[in-house]
Each structure stands twice: as structure tokens, then as C-alpha cells.
Amino acid sequence: MKKIFLALFGLMLAFPFGASADDRELLVVGEMIEINAKPDVVWNIVKAFDGLVNWHPAFSGSPLVKGRNGHPGAVRALTIKDGPTFTEELLAYSEPRMAYTYNIVESPLPIDHYLSSMSVKGNGSGGTTVAWIGTFTRKNPRDNVAEAESDAAMVKLIIGAYQAGLETVKKMAEGK
């Protein structure tokens, strides 16, 4: 399990997102969850790029506006419940490895340079480990920002989103 997390973390760092010209810190968030279900059951819940609306409680829509599921270049329009819409692009997808990577193309969220990966792996005990890892910077480049726009607030926002989604996937896969 720790190896999966470290491998995904290394993958995230391999992408060409270093510190920006204004020296905003590159923030990294990773969440993992153990699920008492087979990996293919869990993968079938999360694999469709336009299917986020089916398992994440924060979203009311996630249709593809370009491309096809499972094909890099696909773009989805995510609508936050009672909120704005933003777009994400699928950058890499592997059915055999049960993993994909995507980024935010356009967003009203207070983050920039968002890149994220999700992977589903067997845990050796008949269950599944799901890892969701993201890197990003806060959008506001100033040194002194409001608390709601701080690095800590941005990390808290993404952690909350990842945890809410992963908990729902767990409940769905375990039939609870």
C-alpha cells in the first residue's frame, strides 16, 4: 500500500510542474482508502471519466464535452452542486493498470496547475486500495492572502473532496 502511494507520488512529481515564476509552493495531497471489494468492482465504479457524478456527492454533473471515455484528450464539464462548472482533461488512462491522470483546464476554484491521478490496486487480502493524489498551487500569487485563499485552505479543500469521493466509492463497492 505504501509502495503504491510512493509510486503515484513519484509520478506526480515527474510532470513538468515546478515552482512557478512567482514561487507559489507546489502543494501535494494524497488520500488512500481500503475497500472490502475486488479491484474490478471498485474500478468499474470510478473508471468512466464522465461518471464522477455517479460516485462523488459534491457534483451534479460530469458529462464529456469532448472525446471519449478512456481516451486521453477527453474533456469533462464538472458542475458542483449549487455551484459553478469547470473543465478537466484526461491526460493518461490505463485499463490494465486501473489508473488515470487528469488536469483542470479551466476553473473558478482558487487553485492553479492542478494535476491528479487515481489508481485502483488489489491489496493482497482480497480487497482493494484506492489512491487519489493531486498536485497544485494556489491561484493567488501574493504573499499575504486571505485565509480562504491560503495554501492550508486549498489543501483542506482538496483533501475534503478526495475523502468525500473515496468514502462514497467504499460504500458503493461494499454495498452499504
N, C-alpha and C. Protein backbone atom coordinates (compact mmCIF):
# COMPACT_ATOMS: atom_id res chain seq x y z
N MET A 1 0.83 -1.18 0.00
CA MET A 1 0.00 0.00 0.00
C MET A 1 0.88 1.24 0.00
N LYS A 2 1.86 1.29 0.85
CA LYS A 2 2.76 2.43 0.91
C LYS A 2 3.52 2.57 -0.41
N LYS A 3 3.87 1.44 -1.04
CA LYS A 3 4.57 1.46 -2.32
C LYS A 3 3.71 2.11 -3.40
N ILE A 4 2.42 1.81 -3.40
CA ILE A 4 1.50 2.41 -4.38
C ILE A 4 1.50 3.92 -4.21
N PHE A 5 1.36 4.36 -2.97
CA PHE A 5 1.31 5.79 -2.69
C PHE A 5 2.61 6.46 -3.14
N LEU A 6 3.74 5.87 -2.81
CA LEU A 6 5.02 6.44 -3.18
C LEU A 6 5.22 6.46 -4.69
N ALA A 7 4.78 5.40 -5.36
CA ALA A 7 4.90 5.37 -6.82
C ALA A 7 4.05 6.45 -7.47
N LEU A 8 2.84 6.63 -6.99
CA LEU A 8 1.99 7.68 -7.54
C LEU A 8 2.53 9.06 -7.22
N PHE A 9 3.06 9.22 -6.02
CA PHE A 9 3.68 10.49 -5.65
C PHE A 9 4.84 10.81 -6.58
N GLY A 10 5.66 9.81 -6.87
CA GLY A 10 6.77 9.99 -7.80
C GLY A 10 6.29 10.34 -9.19
N LEU A 11 5.21 9.71 -9.62
CA LEU A 11 4.62 10.01 -10.92
C LEU A 11 4.18 11.46 -10.98
N MET A 12 3.54 11.93 -9.92
CA MET A 12 3.06 13.31 -9.90
C MET A 12 4.23 14.29 -9.98
N LEU A 13 5.32 13.97 -9.32
CA LEU A 13 6.47 14.87 -9.34
C LEU A 13 7.20 14.85 -10.68
N ALA A 14 7.00 13.80 -11.45
CA ALA A 14 7.67 13.69 -12.75
C ALA A 14 7.07 14.63 -13.79
N PHE A 15 5.85 15.10 -13.55
CA PHE A 15 5.23 16.00 -14.51
C PHE A 15 5.89 17.36 -14.45
N PRO A 16 5.88 18.10 -15.54
CA PRO A 16 6.62 19.35 -15.63
C PRO A 16 5.96 20.52 -14.93
N PHE A 17 5.63 20.37 -13.66
CA PHE A 17 5.06 21.46 -12.90
C PHE A 17 6.00 21.77 -11.74
N GLY A 18 6.94 22.61 -11.96
CA GLY A 18 7.83 23.04 -10.90
C GLY A 18 7.26 24.27 -10.25
N ALA A 19 8.06 24.93 -9.45
CA ALA A 19 7.62 26.18 -8.86
C ALA A 19 7.40 27.19 -9.96
N SER A 20 6.38 27.98 -9.80
CA SER A 20 6.08 28.99 -10.81
C SER A 20 7.01 30.17 -10.66
N ALA A 21 6.94 31.07 -11.61
CA ALA A 21 7.81 32.25 -11.60
C ALA A 21 7.60 33.08 -10.34
N ASP A 22 6.41 33.04 -9.77
CA ASP A 22 6.14 33.82 -8.57
C ASP A 22 6.37 33.01 -7.29
N ASP A 23 6.95 31.83 -7.41
CA ASP A 23 7.35 30.99 -6.28
C ASP A 23 6.21 30.50 -5.40
N ARG A 24 5.02 30.31 -5.99
CA ARG A 24 3.96 29.66 -5.22
C ARG A 24 4.38 28.22 -4.99
N GLU A 25 4.18 27.74 -3.80
CA GLU A 25 4.60 26.39 -3.45
C GLU A 25 3.73 25.35 -4.16
N LEU A 26 4.36 24.31 -4.67
CA LEU A 26 3.63 23.19 -5.26
C LEU A 26 3.09 22.35 -4.09
N LEU A 27 1.79 22.24 -4.01
CA LEU A 27 1.14 21.51 -2.93
C LEU A 27 0.79 20.11 -3.40
N VAL A 28 0.93 19.14 -2.51
CA VAL A 28 0.65 17.75 -2.83
C VAL A 28 -0.33 17.19 -1.81
N VAL A 29 -1.39 16.57 -2.32
CA VAL A 29 -2.39 15.94 -1.46
C VAL A 29 -2.55 14.51 -1.93
N GLY A 30 -2.59 13.58 -1.00
CA GLY A 30 -2.83 12.19 -1.34
C GLY A 30 -3.75 11.55 -0.32
N GLU A 31 -4.75 10.87 -0.80
CA GLU A 31 -5.67 10.14 0.08
C GLU A 31 -5.77 8.71 -0.42
N MET A 32 -5.81 7.78 0.52
CA MET A 32 -5.96 6.36 0.20
C MET A 32 -7.08 5.79 1.04
N ILE A 33 -7.71 4.75 0.50
CA ILE A 33 -8.76 4.08 1.25
C ILE A 33 -8.70 2.59 0.94
N GLU A 34 -8.96 1.79 1.95
CA GLU A 34 -9.05 0.34 1.81
C GLU A 34 -10.53 -0.02 1.65
N ILE A 35 -10.82 -0.84 0.66
CA ILE A 35 -12.20 -1.22 0.37
C ILE A 35 -12.30 -2.74 0.35
N ASN A 36 -13.30 -3.27 1.03
CA ASN A 36 -13.53 -4.72 1.08
C ASN A 36 -14.35 -5.15 -0.13
N ALA A 37 -13.72 -5.05 -1.29
CA ALA A 37 -14.32 -5.49 -2.55
C ALA A 37 -13.17 -5.73 -3.52
N LYS A 38 -13.42 -6.52 -4.53
CA LYS A 38 -12.39 -6.82 -5.52
C LYS A 38 -12.06 -5.58 -6.35
N PRO A 39 -10.81 -5.47 -6.81
CA PRO A 39 -10.41 -4.30 -7.58
C PRO A 39 -11.29 -4.02 -8.81
N ASP A 40 -11.71 -5.07 -9.52
CA ASP A 40 -12.52 -4.81 -10.71
C ASP A 40 -13.88 -4.21 -10.36
N VAL A 41 -14.42 -4.54 -9.20
CA VAL A 41 -15.68 -3.95 -8.74
C VAL A 41 -15.48 -2.46 -8.49
N VAL A 42 -14.41 -2.13 -7.81
CA VAL A 42 -14.11 -0.73 -7.50
C VAL A 42 -13.78 0.04 -8.78
N TRP A 43 -12.95 -0.54 -9.65
CA TRP A 43 -12.58 0.11 -10.90
C TRP A 43 -13.82 0.43 -11.74
N ASN A 44 -14.78 -0.49 -11.77
CA ASN A 44 -16.00 -0.25 -12.54
C ASN A 44 -16.80 0.93 -12.01
N ILE A 45 -16.63 1.28 -10.76
CA ILE A 45 -17.31 2.45 -10.19
C ILE A 45 -16.63 3.74 -10.64
N VAL A 46 -15.29 3.77 -10.65
CA VAL A 46 -14.56 5.04 -10.85
C VAL A 46 -13.99 5.25 -12.25
N LYS A 47 -13.99 4.25 -13.10
CA LYS A 47 -13.23 4.34 -14.34
C LYS A 47 -13.78 5.28 -15.40
N ALA A 48 -15.07 5.49 -15.47
CA ALA A 48 -15.64 6.35 -16.52
C ALA A 48 -15.34 7.81 -16.19
N PHE A 49 -14.65 8.48 -17.08
CA PHE A 49 -14.26 9.87 -16.84
C PHE A 49 -15.49 10.77 -16.68
N ASP A 50 -16.57 10.44 -17.35
CA ASP A 50 -17.80 11.23 -17.20
C ASP A 50 -18.70 10.68 -16.09
N GLY A 51 -18.20 9.73 -15.31
CA GLY A 51 -19.02 9.10 -14.28
C GLY A 51 -18.82 9.63 -12.88
N LEU A 52 -18.03 10.67 -12.71
CA LEU A 52 -17.78 11.22 -11.38
C LEU A 52 -19.09 11.56 -10.67
N VAL A 53 -20.05 12.05 -11.39
CA VAL A 53 -21.35 12.41 -10.82
C VAL A 53 -22.03 11.21 -10.17
N ASN A 54 -21.70 10.00 -10.60
CA ASN A 54 -22.32 8.79 -10.06
C ASN A 54 -21.77 8.37 -8.71
N TRP A 55 -20.58 8.88 -8.34
CA TRP A 55 -19.99 8.45 -7.08
C TRP A 55 -19.43 9.57 -6.21
N HIS A 56 -19.47 10.79 -6.66
CA HIS A 56 -18.96 11.88 -5.82
C HIS A 56 -20.12 12.78 -5.40
N PRO A 57 -20.34 12.92 -4.10
CA PRO A 57 -21.50 13.66 -3.62
C PRO A 57 -21.46 15.17 -3.87
N ALA A 58 -20.33 15.73 -4.23
CA ALA A 58 -20.22 17.18 -4.42
C ALA A 58 -20.64 17.64 -5.81
N PHE A 59 -20.85 16.71 -6.74
CA PHE A 59 -21.09 17.11 -8.13
C PHE A 59 -22.47 16.71 -8.61
N SER A 60 -23.05 17.59 -9.44
CA SER A 60 -24.37 17.31 -10.01
C SER A 60 -24.29 16.99 -11.50
N GLY A 61 -23.11 17.11 -12.08
CA GLY A 61 -22.94 16.78 -13.49
C GLY A 61 -21.48 16.59 -13.83
N SER A 62 -21.22 15.67 -14.78
CA SER A 62 -19.83 15.44 -15.23
C SER A 62 -19.80 14.93 -16.67
N PRO A 63 -20.61 15.49 -17.58
CA PRO A 63 -20.65 14.97 -18.95
C PRO A 63 -19.38 15.28 -19.74
N LEU A 64 -19.08 14.41 -20.69
CA LEU A 64 -17.99 14.69 -21.61
C LEU A 64 -18.44 15.76 -22.59
N VAL A 65 -17.56 16.73 -22.82
CA VAL A 65 -17.84 17.77 -23.81
C VAL A 65 -16.90 17.63 -25.01
N LYS A 66 -15.97 16.69 -24.89
CA LYS A 66 -15.03 16.41 -25.98
C LYS A 66 -14.46 15.01 -25.76
N GLY A 67 -14.27 14.27 -26.83
CA GLY A 67 -13.60 12.98 -26.76
C GLY A 67 -14.48 11.87 -26.21
N ARG A 68 -13.79 10.76 -25.85
CA ARG A 68 -14.48 9.55 -25.37
C ARG A 68 -13.85 9.07 -24.07
N ASN A 69 -14.68 8.40 -23.27
CA ASN A 69 -14.18 7.81 -22.03
C ASN A 69 -13.00 6.89 -22.32
N GLY A 70 -12.03 6.93 -21.43
CA GLY A 70 -10.88 6.05 -21.56
C GLY A 70 -9.87 6.46 -22.60
N HIS A 71 -10.04 7.63 -23.21
CA HIS A 71 -9.13 8.11 -24.24
C HIS A 71 -8.56 9.46 -23.85
N PRO A 72 -7.23 9.55 -23.73
CA PRO A 72 -6.62 10.84 -23.42
C PRO A 72 -7.12 11.92 -24.38
N GLY A 73 -7.33 13.10 -23.84
CA GLY A 73 -7.88 14.20 -24.61
C GLY A 73 -9.35 14.42 -24.33
N ALA A 74 -10.01 13.44 -23.70
CA ALA A 74 -11.41 13.62 -23.33
C ALA A 74 -11.51 14.76 -22.32
N VAL A 75 -12.55 15.57 -22.44
CA VAL A 75 -12.76 16.70 -21.53
C VAL A 75 -14.14 16.57 -20.92
N ARG A 76 -14.20 16.71 -19.58
CA ARG A 76 -15.49 16.67 -18.89
C ARG A 76 -15.78 18.04 -18.29
N ALA A 77 -17.06 18.34 -18.20
CA ALA A 77 -17.53 19.57 -17.56
C ALA A 77 -18.12 19.18 -16.21
N LEU A 78 -17.43 19.54 -15.15
CA LEU A 78 -17.89 19.21 -13.81
C LEU A 78 -18.72 20.35 -13.24
N THR A 79 -19.89 20.03 -12.74
CA THR A 79 -20.72 21.04 -12.10
C THR A 79 -20.82 20.70 -10.62
N ILE A 80 -20.41 21.64 -9.80
CA ILE A 80 -20.52 21.48 -8.35
C ILE A 80 -21.99 21.71 -7.99
N LYS A 81 -22.54 20.89 -7.10
CA LYS A 81 -23.94 21.05 -6.69
C LYS A 81 -24.14 22.49 -6.21
N ASP A 82 -25.15 23.12 -6.77
CA ASP A 82 -25.47 24.52 -6.44
C ASP A 82 -24.27 25.44 -6.65
N GLY A 83 -23.43 25.12 -7.63
CA GLY A 83 -22.25 25.94 -7.84
C GLY A 83 -21.82 26.01 -9.28
N PRO A 84 -20.58 26.41 -9.48
CA PRO A 84 -20.07 26.63 -10.84
C PRO A 84 -19.68 25.33 -11.55
N THR A 85 -19.36 25.50 -12.82
CA THR A 85 -18.87 24.41 -13.66
C THR A 85 -17.43 24.69 -14.04
N PHE A 86 -16.63 23.64 -14.10
CA PHE A 86 -15.26 23.78 -14.59
C PHE A 86 -14.93 22.57 -15.44
N THR A 87 -13.80 22.63 -16.17
CA THR A 87 -13.47 21.55 -17.10
C THR A 87 -12.16 20.87 -16.71
N GLU A 88 -12.13 19.57 -16.97
CA GLU A 88 -10.94 18.75 -16.73
C GLU A 88 -10.66 17.91 -17.95
N GLU A 89 -9.37 17.67 -18.21
CA GLU A 89 -8.96 16.87 -19.36
C GLU A 89 -8.27 15.60 -18.91
N LEU A 90 -8.63 14.49 -19.53
CA LEU A 90 -8.00 13.21 -19.28
C LEU A 90 -6.66 13.17 -20.00
N LEU A 91 -5.57 13.00 -19.26
CA LEU A 91 -4.22 13.02 -19.84
C LEU A 91 -3.67 11.62 -20.10
N ALA A 92 -3.99 10.69 -19.23
CA ALA A 92 -3.50 9.31 -19.37
C ALA A 92 -4.54 8.37 -18.79
N TYR A 93 -4.65 7.18 -19.38
CA TYR A 93 -5.65 6.22 -18.94
C TYR A 93 -5.12 4.82 -19.21
N SER A 94 -5.19 3.94 -18.21
CA SER A 94 -4.77 2.56 -18.38
C SER A 94 -5.79 1.62 -17.76
N GLU A 95 -6.53 0.95 -18.62
CA GLU A 95 -7.49 -0.05 -18.15
C GLU A 95 -6.76 -1.20 -17.43
N PRO A 96 -5.68 -1.77 -18.01
CA PRO A 96 -5.00 -2.87 -17.32
C PRO A 96 -4.43 -2.48 -15.95
N ARG A 97 -3.93 -1.27 -15.84
CA ARG A 97 -3.37 -0.82 -14.55
C ARG A 97 -4.41 -0.18 -13.65
N MET A 98 -5.61 -0.01 -14.15
CA MET A 98 -6.71 0.61 -13.41
C MET A 98 -6.28 1.96 -12.82
N ALA A 99 -5.88 2.85 -13.72
CA ALA A 99 -5.39 4.16 -13.28
C ALA A 99 -5.63 5.19 -14.37
N TYR A 100 -5.76 6.44 -13.95
CA TYR A 100 -5.83 7.54 -14.90
C TYR A 100 -5.30 8.82 -14.26
N THR A 101 -4.93 9.75 -15.13
CA THR A 101 -4.41 11.05 -14.72
C THR A 101 -5.15 12.11 -15.51
N TYR A 102 -5.46 13.20 -14.85
CA TYR A 102 -6.19 14.30 -15.49
C TYR A 102 -5.74 15.63 -14.90
N ASN A 103 -6.10 16.72 -15.56
CA ASN A 103 -5.81 18.04 -15.02
C ASN A 103 -7.02 18.94 -15.18
N ILE A 104 -6.99 20.05 -14.46
CA ILE A 104 -8.03 21.06 -14.61
C ILE A 104 -7.61 21.97 -15.74
N VAL A 105 -8.51 22.18 -16.69
CA VAL A 105 -8.26 23.06 -17.83
C VAL A 105 -8.68 24.48 -17.49
N GLU A 106 -9.89 24.61 -16.95
CA GLU A 106 -10.43 25.92 -16.61
C GLU A 106 -11.29 25.77 -15.37
N SER A 107 -11.12 26.70 -14.40
CA SER A 107 -11.83 26.53 -13.15
C SER A 107 -12.00 27.84 -12.40
N PRO A 108 -13.14 28.00 -11.72
CA PRO A 108 -13.31 29.14 -10.82
C PRO A 108 -12.72 28.86 -9.43
N LEU A 109 -12.24 27.63 -9.22
CA LEU A 109 -11.64 27.28 -7.94
C LEU A 109 -10.36 28.09 -7.72
N PRO A 110 -9.99 28.34 -6.48
CA PRO A 110 -8.79 29.16 -6.19
C PRO A 110 -7.49 28.36 -6.27
N ILE A 111 -7.38 27.45 -7.27
CA ILE A 111 -6.16 26.67 -7.45
C ILE A 111 -5.71 26.74 -8.91
N ASP A 112 -4.42 26.55 -9.12
CA ASP A 112 -3.80 26.53 -10.45
C ASP A 112 -2.98 25.27 -10.60
N HIS A 113 -2.66 24.93 -11.83
CA HIS A 113 -1.72 23.84 -12.15
C HIS A 113 -2.11 22.52 -11.48
N TYR A 114 -3.41 22.26 -11.43
CA TYR A 114 -3.91 21.05 -10.78
C TYR A 114 -3.70 19.84 -11.69
N LEU A 115 -3.07 18.82 -11.15
CA LEU A 115 -2.83 17.55 -11.83
C LEU A 115 -3.15 16.45 -10.84
N SER A 116 -3.93 15.45 -11.26
CA SER A 116 -4.36 14.43 -10.33
C SER A 116 -4.35 13.05 -10.97
N SER A 117 -4.11 12.04 -10.14
CA SER A 117 -4.17 10.64 -10.58
C SER A 117 -4.98 9.83 -9.59
N MET A 118 -5.69 8.85 -10.13
CA MET A 118 -6.40 7.88 -9.30
C MET A 118 -5.98 6.49 -9.75
N SER A 119 -5.73 5.62 -8.77
CA SER A 119 -5.40 4.24 -9.11
C SER A 119 -6.14 3.28 -8.18
N VAL A 120 -6.43 2.12 -8.72
CA VAL A 120 -7.13 1.05 -8.01
C VAL A 120 -6.23 -0.18 -8.07
N LYS A 121 -5.90 -0.73 -6.91
CA LYS A 121 -5.00 -1.90 -6.84
C LYS A 121 -5.51 -2.90 -5.82
N GLY A 122 -5.27 -4.19 -6.10
CA GLY A 122 -5.54 -5.21 -5.11
C GLY A 122 -4.61 -5.02 -3.92
N ASN A 123 -5.10 -5.31 -2.72
CA ASN A 123 -4.28 -5.09 -1.53
C ASN A 123 -3.66 -6.37 -0.97
N GLY A 124 -3.79 -7.49 -1.68
CA GLY A 124 -3.20 -8.74 -1.22
C GLY A 124 -4.05 -9.48 -0.20
N SER A 125 -5.14 -8.89 0.23
CA SER A 125 -6.03 -9.51 1.20
C SER A 125 -7.43 -9.74 0.64
N GLY A 126 -7.54 -9.69 -0.70
CA GLY A 126 -8.83 -9.87 -1.34
C GLY A 126 -9.61 -8.59 -1.50
N GLY A 127 -9.05 -7.50 -1.00
CA GLY A 127 -9.71 -6.20 -1.10
C GLY A 127 -8.95 -5.28 -2.04
N THR A 128 -9.21 -4.00 -1.91
CA THR A 128 -8.69 -3.00 -2.84
C THR A 128 -8.18 -1.78 -2.09
N THR A 129 -7.10 -1.21 -2.63
CA THR A 129 -6.61 0.08 -2.17
C THR A 129 -6.82 1.07 -3.30
N VAL A 130 -7.47 2.17 -3.00
CA VAL A 130 -7.64 3.24 -3.98
C VAL A 130 -6.80 4.42 -3.50
N ALA A 131 -5.99 4.96 -4.40
CA ALA A 131 -5.18 6.14 -4.11
C ALA A 131 -5.58 7.27 -5.05
N TRP A 132 -5.77 8.45 -4.48
CA TRP A 132 -6.11 9.64 -5.26
C TRP A 132 -5.12 10.71 -4.84
N ILE A 133 -4.30 11.14 -5.77
CA ILE A 133 -3.21 12.07 -5.47
C ILE A 133 -3.29 13.26 -6.41
N GLY A 134 -3.06 14.44 -5.86
CA GLY A 134 -3.08 15.64 -6.69
C GLY A 134 -1.97 16.61 -6.31
N THR A 135 -1.54 17.37 -7.30
CA THR A 135 -0.61 18.47 -7.07
C THR A 135 -1.24 19.73 -7.65
N PHE A 136 -0.92 20.87 -7.04
CA PHE A 136 -1.50 22.13 -7.47
C PHE A 136 -0.81 23.28 -6.74
N THR A 137 -1.10 24.48 -7.17
CA THR A 137 -0.69 25.68 -6.46
C THR A 137 -1.94 26.49 -6.18
N ARG A 138 -1.86 27.37 -5.22
CA ARG A 138 -3.00 28.27 -5.02
C ARG A 138 -2.98 29.30 -6.13
N LYS A 139 -4.14 29.78 -6.50
CA LYS A 139 -4.26 30.70 -7.63
C LYS A 139 -3.69 32.08 -7.31
N ASN A 140 -3.92 32.56 -6.12
CA ASN A 140 -3.48 33.91 -5.75
C ASN A 140 -1.97 33.91 -5.52
N PRO A 141 -1.20 34.67 -6.33
CA PRO A 141 0.26 34.64 -6.22
C PRO A 141 0.84 35.54 -5.13
N ARG A 142 0.02 36.34 -4.49
CA ARG A 142 0.55 37.27 -3.48
C ARG A 142 1.05 36.52 -2.25
N ASP A 143 1.95 37.16 -1.54
CA ASP A 143 2.48 36.57 -0.31
C ASP A 143 1.45 36.56 0.81
N ASN A 144 0.75 37.65 0.99
CA ASN A 144 -0.24 37.77 2.06
C ASN A 144 -1.63 37.64 1.47
N VAL A 145 -2.22 36.46 1.63
CA VAL A 145 -3.54 36.20 1.07
C VAL A 145 -4.54 35.98 2.20
N ALA A 146 -5.80 36.16 1.88
CA ALA A 146 -6.85 35.86 2.85
C ALA A 146 -6.78 34.39 3.23
N GLU A 147 -7.18 34.07 4.44
CA GLU A 147 -7.13 32.69 4.92
C GLU A 147 -7.85 31.74 3.98
N ALA A 148 -8.95 32.16 3.40
CA ALA A 148 -9.72 31.31 2.49
C ALA A 148 -8.96 31.00 1.20
N GLU A 149 -7.91 31.77 0.89
CA GLU A 149 -7.11 31.54 -0.31
C GLU A 149 -5.71 31.01 0.01
N SER A 150 -5.47 30.67 1.25
CA SER A 150 -4.14 30.22 1.69
C SER A 150 -3.84 28.81 1.20
N ASP A 151 -2.56 28.45 1.26
CA ASP A 151 -2.16 27.08 0.93
C ASP A 151 -2.91 26.08 1.80
N ALA A 152 -3.00 26.36 3.10
CA ALA A 152 -3.68 25.45 4.02
C ALA A 152 -5.15 25.28 3.64
N ALA A 153 -5.81 26.36 3.25
CA ALA A 153 -7.21 26.26 2.85
C ALA A 153 -7.36 25.46 1.56
N MET A 154 -6.42 25.62 0.62
CA MET A 154 -6.50 24.88 -0.64
C MET A 154 -6.28 23.39 -0.39
N VAL A 155 -5.33 23.05 0.46
CA VAL A 155 -5.07 21.65 0.80
C VAL A 155 -6.31 21.05 1.48
N LYS A 156 -6.90 21.79 2.40
CA LYS A 156 -8.11 21.31 3.10
C LYS A 156 -9.25 21.08 2.10
N LEU A 157 -9.41 21.97 1.14
CA LEU A 157 -10.45 21.83 0.12
C LEU A 157 -10.28 20.54 -0.67
N ILE A 158 -9.07 20.29 -1.15
CA ILE A 158 -8.83 19.09 -1.98
C ILE A 158 -8.91 17.82 -1.14
N ILE A 159 -8.36 17.84 0.07
CA ILE A 159 -8.48 16.66 0.94
C ILE A 159 -9.94 16.33 1.18
N GLY A 160 -10.74 17.34 1.47
CA GLY A 160 -12.17 17.12 1.70
C GLY A 160 -12.86 16.51 0.49
N ALA A 161 -12.51 17.02 -0.71
CA ALA A 161 -13.10 16.48 -1.94
C ALA A 161 -12.70 15.03 -2.15
N TYR A 162 -11.41 14.73 -1.97
CA TYR A 162 -10.94 13.35 -2.15
C TYR A 162 -11.60 12.42 -1.14
N GLN A 163 -11.64 12.81 0.13
CA GLN A 163 -12.22 11.95 1.16
C GLN A 163 -13.70 11.68 0.91
N ALA A 164 -14.44 12.72 0.54
CA ALA A 164 -15.88 12.54 0.28
C ALA A 164 -16.11 11.55 -0.86
N GLY A 165 -15.33 11.69 -1.93
CA GLY A 165 -15.47 10.78 -3.06
C GLY A 165 -15.08 9.36 -2.71
N LEU A 166 -13.95 9.20 -2.05
CA LEU A 166 -13.47 7.85 -1.71
C LEU A 166 -14.41 7.15 -0.73
N GLU A 167 -14.95 7.87 0.22
CA GLU A 167 -15.90 7.26 1.17
C GLU A 167 -17.15 6.76 0.44
N THR A 168 -17.60 7.52 -0.54
CA THR A 168 -18.78 7.10 -1.30
C THR A 168 -18.46 5.86 -2.15
N VAL A 169 -17.28 5.83 -2.76
CA VAL A 169 -16.88 4.65 -3.53
C VAL A 169 -16.84 3.43 -2.62
N LYS A 170 -16.30 3.58 -1.44
CA LYS A 170 -16.23 2.47 -0.47
C LYS A 170 -17.64 1.95 -0.16
N LYS A 171 -18.57 2.85 0.15
CA LYS A 171 -19.94 2.45 0.47
C LYS A 171 -20.59 1.74 -0.71
N MET A 172 -20.38 2.26 -1.90
CA MET A 172 -20.98 1.64 -3.09
C MET A 172 -20.39 0.24 -3.32
N ALA A 173 -19.07 0.13 -3.25
CA ALA A 173 -18.41 -1.14 -3.55
C ALA A 173 -18.72 -2.20 -2.51
N GLU A 174 -18.85 -1.78 -1.27
CA GLU A 174 -19.13 -2.73 -0.18
C GLU A 174 -20.62 -2.96 0.01
N GLY A 175 -21.45 -2.28 -0.79
CA GLY A 175 -22.89 -2.48 -0.72
C GLY A 175 -23.54 -1.92 0.52
N LYS A 176 -22.98 -0.85 1.06
CA LYS A 176 -23.53 -0.27 2.30
C LYS A 176 -24.37 0.94 2.01
